[in-house]
N, C-alpha and C. Protein backbone atom coordinates (compact mmCIF):
# COMPACT_ATOMS: atom_id res chain seq x y z
N UNK A 1 -23.01 42.83 27.54
CA UNK A 1 -24.04 44.25 27.73
C UNK A 1 -23.46 45.03 27.21
N UNK A 2 -24.39 46.05 26.12
CA UNK A 2 -23.97 47.32 25.79
C UNK A 2 -24.02 48.56 26.75
N UNK A 3 -23.49 49.20 26.72
CA UNK A 3 -23.76 50.74 27.66
C UNK A 3 -24.50 51.37 26.25
N UNK A 4 -25.47 52.37 26.98
CA UNK A 4 -26.09 53.05 26.38
C UNK A 4 -25.32 54.62 25.56
N UNK A 5 -25.91 55.16 24.73
CA UNK A 5 -25.06 56.47 23.95
C UNK A 5 -24.94 57.61 25.12
N UNK A 6 -23.85 58.03 24.68
CA UNK A 6 -23.53 59.35 25.71
C UNK A 6 -23.42 60.40 24.42
N UNK A 7 -23.61 61.99 24.92
CA UNK A 7 -23.41 62.87 24.24
C UNK A 7 -21.61 62.99 24.17
N UNK A 8 -21.24 63.44 22.77
CA UNK A 8 -20.10 63.54 22.83
C UNK A 8 -19.56 65.18 22.49
N UNK A 9 -19.94 65.46 21.41
CA UNK A 9 -19.40 66.98 21.31
C UNK A 9 -20.77 67.89 20.42
N UNK A 10 -20.14 69.08 20.09
CA UNK A 10 -21.04 69.91 18.73
C UNK A 10 -22.28 70.44 20.17
N UNK A 11 -22.75 71.72 19.67
CA UNK A 11 -23.20 72.36 20.12
C UNK A 11 -24.76 71.75 20.47
N UNK A 12 -24.70 71.77 22.24
CA UNK A 12 -25.56 70.72 22.53
C UNK A 12 -26.80 71.56 23.08
N UNK A 13 -27.81 71.14 22.13
CA UNK A 13 -29.10 71.39 22.34
C UNK A 13 -29.83 70.80 22.73
N UNK A 14 -30.08 71.09 24.28
CA UNK A 14 -30.81 70.07 24.92
C UNK A 14 -32.18 70.85 25.31
N UNK A 15 -33.07 70.16 25.54
CA UNK A 15 -34.62 70.29 25.59
C UNK A 15 -35.16 70.27 26.64
N UNK A 16 -35.89 70.49 27.34
CA UNK A 16 -36.70 69.48 28.07
C UNK A 16 -38.19 69.33 27.53
N UNK A 17 -38.86 68.62 27.11
CA UNK A 17 -39.95 68.54 26.37
C UNK A 17 -41.09 67.16 27.08
N UNK A 18 -42.48 67.50 26.62
CA UNK A 18 -43.26 66.77 27.47
C UNK A 18 -42.71 65.34 26.89
N UNK A 19 -43.22 64.09 27.44
CA UNK A 19 -43.38 62.69 27.39
C UNK A 19 -44.70 62.37 26.81
N UNK A 20 -44.51 61.35 25.83
CA UNK A 20 -45.98 60.89 25.00
C UNK A 20 -46.13 59.82 26.23
N UNK A 21 -47.57 59.59 26.03
CA UNK A 21 -48.23 58.29 27.16
C UNK A 21 -47.18 57.05 26.86
N UNK A 22 -47.39 56.55 28.03
CA UNK A 22 -46.79 54.84 28.13
C UNK A 22 -45.36 54.74 27.87
N UNK A 23 -44.21 55.63 27.76
CA UNK A 23 -43.13 55.22 27.04
C UNK A 23 -42.11 54.52 27.85
N UNK A 24 -41.29 54.17 27.88
CA UNK A 24 -40.51 53.24 28.45
C UNK A 24 -38.98 53.36 28.38
N UNK A 25 -38.53 53.85 27.53
CA UNK A 25 -37.28 53.55 26.76
C UNK A 25 -36.27 53.92 27.88
N UNK A 26 -34.78 53.81 27.65
CA UNK A 26 -33.79 53.84 28.58
C UNK A 26 -33.03 55.31 28.07
N UNK A 27 -31.93 55.53 28.82
CA UNK A 27 -31.04 56.97 28.71
C UNK A 27 -30.31 56.42 27.09
N UNK A 28 -30.10 57.18 26.33
CA UNK A 28 -29.74 56.89 25.02
C UNK A 28 -30.51 56.30 23.75
N UNK A 29 -31.71 56.37 24.23
CA UNK A 29 -33.07 56.37 23.19
C UNK A 29 -32.88 57.18 22.19
N UNK A 30 -32.89 56.62 20.60
CA UNK A 30 -33.27 57.52 19.90
C UNK A 30 -35.13 57.71 19.68
N UNK A 31 -35.09 59.22 19.49
CA UNK A 31 -36.74 59.61 20.02
C UNK A 31 -36.99 60.53 18.69
N UNK A 32 -38.32 60.82 18.86
CA UNK A 32 -38.76 61.78 17.56
C UNK A 32 -39.93 62.32 18.84
N UNK A 33 -40.70 63.22 17.97
CA UNK A 33 -41.27 63.86 18.29
C UNK A 33 -42.78 63.56 17.54
N UNK A 34 -44.02 63.35 18.26
CA UNK A 34 -45.18 62.71 17.62
C UNK A 34 -46.01 63.88 17.73
N UNK A 35 -46.84 63.44 16.71
CA UNK A 35 -48.15 64.66 16.07
C UNK A 35 -48.66 65.46 16.96
N UNK A 36 -48.45 65.21 18.52
CA UNK A 36 -48.69 66.05 19.46
C UNK A 36 -47.32 66.90 19.88
N UNK A 37 -46.58 66.57 19.47
CA UNK A 37 -45.33 67.11 19.68
C UNK A 37 -44.38 66.63 20.89
N UNK A 38 -44.65 65.74 21.28
CA UNK A 38 -44.45 65.12 22.46
C UNK A 38 -43.23 64.41 22.28
N UNK A 39 -42.58 63.84 23.13
CA UNK A 39 -41.27 62.70 22.91
C UNK A 39 -42.06 61.59 22.68
N UNK A 40 -41.47 60.49 21.93
CA UNK A 40 -41.93 59.39 21.91
C UNK A 40 -40.25 58.19 21.23
N UNK A 41 -40.15 57.40 21.99
CA UNK A 41 -39.25 56.47 21.19
C UNK A 41 -39.69 56.16 19.70
N UNK A 42 -38.27 56.46 19.06
CA UNK A 42 -38.38 56.17 17.57
C UNK A 42 -38.67 54.25 17.40
N UNK A 43 -39.14 54.33 16.30
CA UNK A 43 -39.68 52.70 16.22
C UNK A 43 -38.65 51.90 15.47
N UNK A 44 -38.43 50.80 14.87
CA UNK A 44 -37.54 49.88 14.24
C UNK A 44 -37.03 50.98 12.77
N UNK A 45 -35.66 50.66 12.60
CA UNK A 45 -35.27 51.61 11.44
C UNK A 45 -35.80 52.75 11.09
N UNK A 46 -35.46 53.62 12.32
CA UNK A 46 -36.57 55.04 12.00
C UNK A 46 -35.62 55.77 11.26
N UNK A 47 -36.92 56.43 10.26
CA UNK A 47 -36.61 57.42 9.09
C UNK A 47 -36.44 58.82 9.47
N UNK A 48 -36.89 58.94 11.00
CA UNK A 48 -36.92 60.17 11.31
C UNK A 48 -36.26 60.17 13.14
N UNK A 49 -35.60 60.90 13.19
CA UNK A 49 -34.79 61.01 14.48
C UNK A 49 -34.77 62.26 14.89
N UNK A 50 -35.16 62.82 15.88
CA UNK A 50 -35.29 64.19 16.39
C UNK A 50 -34.07 64.35 17.28
N UNK A 51 -33.99 63.49 18.05
CA UNK A 51 -32.49 63.69 19.18
C UNK A 51 -32.20 62.04 20.06
N UNK A 52 -31.53 62.35 20.84
CA UNK A 52 -31.48 61.02 21.92
C UNK A 52 -31.78 61.50 23.16
N UNK A 53 -32.28 60.48 24.14
CA UNK A 53 -32.74 60.62 25.41
C UNK A 53 -31.52 60.89 26.37
N UNK A 54 -31.41 61.81 27.03
CA UNK A 54 -30.58 61.70 27.96
C UNK A 54 -30.99 61.27 29.34
N UNK A 55 -32.33 60.58 29.52
CA UNK A 55 -32.82 60.11 30.50
C UNK A 55 -33.75 58.99 30.49
N UNK A 56 -33.75 58.77 31.06
CA UNK A 56 -34.87 57.23 31.04
C UNK A 56 -36.36 57.84 31.14
N UNK A 57 -37.40 57.52 30.29
CA UNK A 57 -38.37 57.55 30.17
C UNK A 57 -39.10 56.86 31.51
N UNK A 58 -40.13 57.89 32.16
CA UNK A 58 -40.96 57.22 33.30
C UNK A 58 -40.47 57.85 34.81
N UNK A 59 -39.18 58.94 34.36
CA UNK A 59 -39.15 59.33 35.79
C UNK A 59 -40.47 60.15 36.65
N UNK A 60 -39.99 60.70 37.81
CA UNK A 60 -40.99 61.14 38.56
C UNK A 60 -41.20 62.40 37.73
N UNK A 61 -42.30 62.95 37.43
CA UNK A 61 -42.81 64.25 36.75
C UNK A 61 -42.06 65.31 37.57
N UNK A 62 -41.75 66.34 36.87
CA UNK A 62 -41.17 67.68 37.90
C UNK A 62 -42.41 68.33 37.68
N UNK A 63 -43.39 68.66 36.94
CA UNK A 63 -44.22 69.21 36.87
C UNK A 63 -45.72 68.46 36.85
N UNK A 64 -46.78 68.63 36.21
CA UNK A 64 -47.83 68.24 35.83
C UNK A 64 -47.88 67.09 34.97
N UNK A 65 -46.75 68.13 33.91
CA UNK A 65 -46.52 66.66 32.91
C UNK A 65 -45.46 66.14 32.90
N UNK A 66 -45.13 65.23 32.74
CA UNK A 66 -44.14 64.46 32.35
C UNK A 66 -43.37 65.09 31.48
N UNK A 67 -42.10 65.44 31.83
CA UNK A 67 -41.04 65.65 30.69
C UNK A 67 -39.75 65.10 30.70
N UNK A 68 -39.09 65.04 29.55
CA UNK A 68 -37.72 64.08 29.56
C UNK A 68 -36.50 65.45 29.01
N UNK A 69 -35.57 65.39 28.85
CA UNK A 69 -34.61 65.96 28.71
C UNK A 69 -34.06 65.09 27.34
N UNK A 70 -33.87 65.87 26.29
CA UNK A 70 -33.72 65.24 24.97
C UNK A 70 -32.34 66.02 24.22
N UNK A 71 -31.18 65.70 23.95
CA UNK A 71 -30.06 66.33 23.03
C UNK A 71 -30.76 66.24 21.38
N UNK A 72 -31.16 67.62 21.14
CA UNK A 72 -31.62 67.33 19.67
C UNK A 72 -30.36 67.40 18.55
N UNK A 73 -30.64 66.39 17.53
CA UNK A 73 -29.81 66.07 16.81
C UNK A 73 -29.70 67.31 15.47
N UNK A 74 -28.25 67.61 15.54
CA UNK A 74 -28.41 68.93 14.82
C UNK A 74 -27.20 68.32 13.99
N UNK A 75 -26.66 69.31 12.79
CA UNK A 75 -25.08 68.81 12.19
C UNK A 75 -24.25 69.10 13.12
N UNK A 76 -24.21 69.89 14.21
CA UNK A 76 -23.14 69.76 15.01
C UNK A 76 -23.35 68.75 16.31
N UNK A 77 -24.10 67.95 16.37
CA UNK A 77 -24.45 67.12 17.73
C UNK A 77 -23.77 65.56 17.17
N UNK A 78 -23.06 65.06 18.45
CA UNK A 78 -22.25 64.00 18.11
C UNK A 78 -22.51 63.27 19.32
N UNK A 79 -22.75 62.12 19.13
CA UNK A 79 -22.59 61.01 20.41
C UNK A 79 -21.95 59.61 19.89
N UNK A 80 -21.47 58.92 21.14
CA UNK A 80 -20.63 57.97 21.12
C UNK A 80 -21.95 57.00 21.52
N UNK A 81 -21.90 55.94 20.55
CA UNK A 81 -22.73 54.56 20.67
C UNK A 81 -21.99 53.69 20.09
N UNK A 82 -22.59 52.15 21.19
CA UNK A 82 -22.12 51.18 21.16
C UNK A 82 -22.55 50.55 19.47
N UNK A 83 -21.93 49.33 19.45
CA UNK A 83 -21.82 48.77 17.92
C UNK A 83 -21.99 47.14 18.06
N UNK A 84 -22.69 46.93 16.80
CA UNK A 84 -22.99 45.66 16.84
C UNK A 84 -21.85 44.79 16.35
N UNK A 85 -20.43 45.33 16.05
CA UNK A 85 -19.38 44.24 16.50
C UNK A 85 -18.49 45.50 16.81
N UNK A 86 -16.93 44.81 17.00
CA UNK A 86 -15.76 45.55 17.44
C UNK A 86 -15.35 46.19 16.22
N UNK A 87 -15.55 47.97 16.58
CA UNK A 87 -15.21 48.79 15.34
C UNK A 87 -13.70 48.68 14.87
N UNK A 88 -13.66 49.36 13.45
CA UNK A 88 -12.21 48.94 13.60
C UNK A 88 -12.21 50.47 12.56
N UNK A 89 -11.01 50.69 12.12
CA UNK A 89 -10.97 51.99 11.36
C UNK A 89 -11.36 52.17 10.20
N UNK A 90 -11.76 50.79 9.66
CA UNK A 90 -12.59 50.89 8.27
C UNK A 90 -14.00 51.40 8.56
N UNK A 91 -14.42 51.58 9.55
CA UNK A 91 -15.79 51.91 10.04
C UNK A 91 -15.78 53.65 9.97
N UNK A 92 -14.84 54.20 10.31
CA UNK A 92 -14.66 55.52 10.31
C UNK A 92 -15.03 55.91 8.78
N UNK A 93 -16.03 56.93 8.42
CA UNK A 93 -16.59 57.88 7.48
C UNK A 93 -17.72 56.93 6.69
N UNK A 94 -18.40 55.99 7.20
CA UNK A 94 -18.98 55.37 6.68
C UNK A 94 -20.56 55.38 7.23
N UNK A 95 -21.13 55.37 6.53
CA UNK A 95 -22.80 55.55 6.78
C UNK A 95 -23.58 54.04 7.51
N UNK A 96 -24.35 54.09 8.65
CA UNK A 96 -24.70 52.68 8.87
C UNK A 96 -26.06 53.17 9.79
N UNK A 97 -26.99 51.89 9.63
CA UNK A 97 -28.29 51.65 10.57
C UNK A 97 -28.13 51.59 11.86
N UNK A 98 -29.16 52.02 12.50
CA UNK A 98 -29.38 51.62 13.84
C UNK A 98 -30.45 50.43 14.20
N UNK A 99 -29.87 50.44 15.33
CA UNK A 99 -31.10 48.84 16.07
C UNK A 99 -30.85 48.93 17.57
N UNK A 100 -32.11 48.76 17.94
CA UNK A 100 -32.50 48.48 19.31
C UNK A 100 -32.12 46.98 19.80
N UNK A 101 -31.33 46.78 20.71
CA UNK A 101 -31.01 45.06 21.31
C UNK A 101 -32.13 44.76 22.36
N UNK A 102 -32.44 43.73 22.68
CA UNK A 102 -33.56 43.13 23.39
C UNK A 102 -33.08 43.63 24.89
N UNK A 103 -32.22 44.50 24.99
CA UNK A 103 -31.89 44.80 26.34
C UNK A 103 -32.57 46.36 26.37
N UNK A 104 -33.10 46.81 25.08
CA UNK A 104 -33.24 48.29 25.01
C UNK A 104 -32.44 49.29 24.67
N UNK A 105 -31.03 48.92 24.36
CA UNK A 105 -30.07 50.02 24.03
C UNK A 105 -29.77 50.00 22.30
N UNK A 106 -30.10 51.09 22.40
CA UNK A 106 -29.76 51.42 21.02
C UNK A 106 -28.51 51.51 20.23
N UNK A 107 -28.10 50.85 19.26
CA UNK A 107 -26.58 50.81 18.63
C UNK A 107 -26.78 50.86 17.44
N UNK A 108 -25.02 51.26 16.67
CA UNK A 108 -24.87 51.37 15.38
C UNK A 108 -24.75 49.75 14.81
N UNK A 109 -25.80 49.67 13.89
CA UNK A 109 -25.58 48.49 13.03
C UNK A 109 -24.89 48.36 11.92
N UNK A 110 -23.55 47.55 11.86
CA UNK A 110 -22.90 47.79 10.91
C UNK A 110 -22.99 46.91 9.88
N UNK A 111 -24.38 45.76 10.08
CA UNK A 111 -25.11 45.43 9.00
C UNK A 111 -26.00 46.13 8.38
N UNK A 112 -26.58 47.38 8.43
CA UNK A 112 -27.14 48.26 7.76
C UNK A 112 -26.24 49.37 7.14
N UNK A 113 -26.72 49.21 5.66
CA UNK A 113 -25.74 50.37 4.76
C UNK A 113 -27.14 50.78 3.55
N UNK A 114 -26.40 51.68 3.19
CA UNK A 114 -27.43 52.17 1.76
C UNK A 114 -28.74 52.98 2.50
N UNK A 115 -29.75 52.06 1.72
CA UNK A 115 -31.07 52.69 2.20
C UNK A 115 -31.46 52.63 3.50
N UNK A 116 -31.09 51.92 4.81
CA UNK A 116 -31.22 52.10 5.68
C UNK A 116 -30.29 52.74 6.72
N UNK A 117 -29.11 53.48 6.30
CA UNK A 117 -28.45 54.14 7.00
C UNK A 117 -28.84 55.34 7.35
N UNK A 118 -28.80 55.73 8.88
CA UNK A 118 -29.30 56.63 9.69
C UNK A 118 -28.53 57.38 10.52
N UNK A 119 -26.97 56.94 10.72
CA UNK A 119 -25.69 58.04 10.98
C UNK A 119 -24.70 57.71 10.14
N UNK A 120 -23.98 58.85 10.86
CA UNK A 120 -22.38 58.87 10.05
C UNK A 120 -21.24 58.50 10.75
N UNK A 121 -20.34 57.67 10.82
CA UNK A 121 -19.18 57.35 11.87
C UNK A 121 -18.04 58.42 11.39
N UNK A 122 -18.03 59.13 12.73
CA UNK A 122 -17.24 60.03 12.57
C UNK A 122 -15.52 59.61 12.88
N UNK A 123 -15.74 58.73 14.16
CA UNK A 123 -14.67 58.17 14.47
C UNK A 123 -14.95 56.87 15.50
N UNK A 124 -14.03 56.16 15.58
CA UNK A 124 -14.02 55.23 16.37
C UNK A 124 -13.46 54.98 17.62
N UNK A 125 -13.70 54.36 18.63
CA UNK A 125 -12.76 54.07 19.96
C UNK A 125 -12.76 52.71 20.16
N UNK A 126 -11.67 52.12 19.61
CA UNK A 126 -11.60 50.34 19.87
C UNK A 126 -11.30 50.07 21.33
N UNK A 127 -10.97 50.93 21.99
CA UNK A 127 -10.87 50.49 23.32
C UNK A 127 -12.54 50.35 24.28
N UNK A 128 -13.36 51.29 23.88
CA UNK A 128 -14.82 50.84 24.52
C UNK A 128 -15.64 50.46 23.34
N UNK A 129 -15.15 49.86 22.25
CA UNK A 129 -16.40 49.64 21.20
C UNK A 129 -17.53 50.06 20.79
N UNK A 130 -17.10 51.44 20.52
CA UNK A 130 -18.04 52.53 20.61
C UNK A 130 -17.32 53.22 19.24
N UNK A 131 -18.80 53.86 18.70
CA UNK A 131 -18.10 54.78 17.31
C UNK A 131 -18.56 56.13 17.84
N UNK A 132 -18.38 57.52 17.57
CA UNK A 132 -18.86 58.35 17.39
C UNK A 132 -19.63 59.28 16.09
N UNK A 133 -21.21 59.15 16.55
CA UNK A 133 -21.72 59.60 15.05
C UNK A 133 -22.64 60.83 15.01
N UNK A 134 -22.95 60.79 14.28
CA UNK A 134 -24.14 61.68 14.08
C UNK A 134 -25.05 61.55 13.00
N UNK A 135 -26.62 62.21 13.31
CA UNK A 135 -27.64 61.57 12.48
C UNK A 135 -27.40 62.61 11.36
N UNK A 136 -27.60 61.54 10.21
CA UNK A 136 -27.71 61.89 8.75
C UNK A 136 -28.79 63.38 8.68
N UNK A 137 -28.50 64.23 7.73
CA UNK A 137 -29.38 65.31 7.45
C UNK A 137 -30.48 64.94 7.09
N UNK A 138 -30.78 63.95 6.03
CA UNK A 138 -31.70 63.39 5.63
C UNK A 138 -33.02 62.53 6.59
N UNK A 139 -32.56 62.53 8.21
CA UNK A 139 -32.99 61.84 9.03
C UNK A 139 -33.35 62.29 10.25
N UNK A 140 -32.69 63.58 10.06
CA UNK A 140 -32.85 64.68 11.21
C UNK A 140 -34.45 65.24 11.39
N UNK A 141 -35.64 65.15 12.40
CA UNK A 141 -36.50 65.45 12.43
C UNK A 141 -36.62 67.13 13.10
N UNK A 142 -37.06 68.17 12.00
CA UNK A 142 -36.51 69.56 12.37
C UNK A 142 -37.42 69.92 13.47
N UNK A 143 -36.90 70.98 14.34
CA UNK A 143 -37.42 71.29 15.30
C UNK A 143 -38.82 72.23 15.27
N UNK A 144 -40.20 72.15 15.74
CA UNK A 144 -41.46 72.74 15.25
C UNK A 144 -41.32 74.19 15.26
């Protein structure tokens, strides 16, 4: 079983935003802002990524609107993500796509390259089978 993504380094641009209706994602989910500026989980092969959820959706609301903490994808922000296979040094410096597994955990998918790449691998950790990534500039959803 994979372990969800965790924030690694960079300017941590954490923000609490309203959650879109009927969201059920886990910590470490890739998220975007919908047409109403609410946070929703990205769909398969997301072309736009606002950031990564720092908590699961559906927690008890702190006020009248259910909100969630998100670390926004910026040029400096990085996360440690699980991978589709054991990473090697050859994976460092390469762009890859992302996939959500059957348990709802997002991971870096080494089979997705080229036009389906969404993240850049900065370094690998072979002890934990994780890679440190940032979201590619072309796929970062700008703040409203």
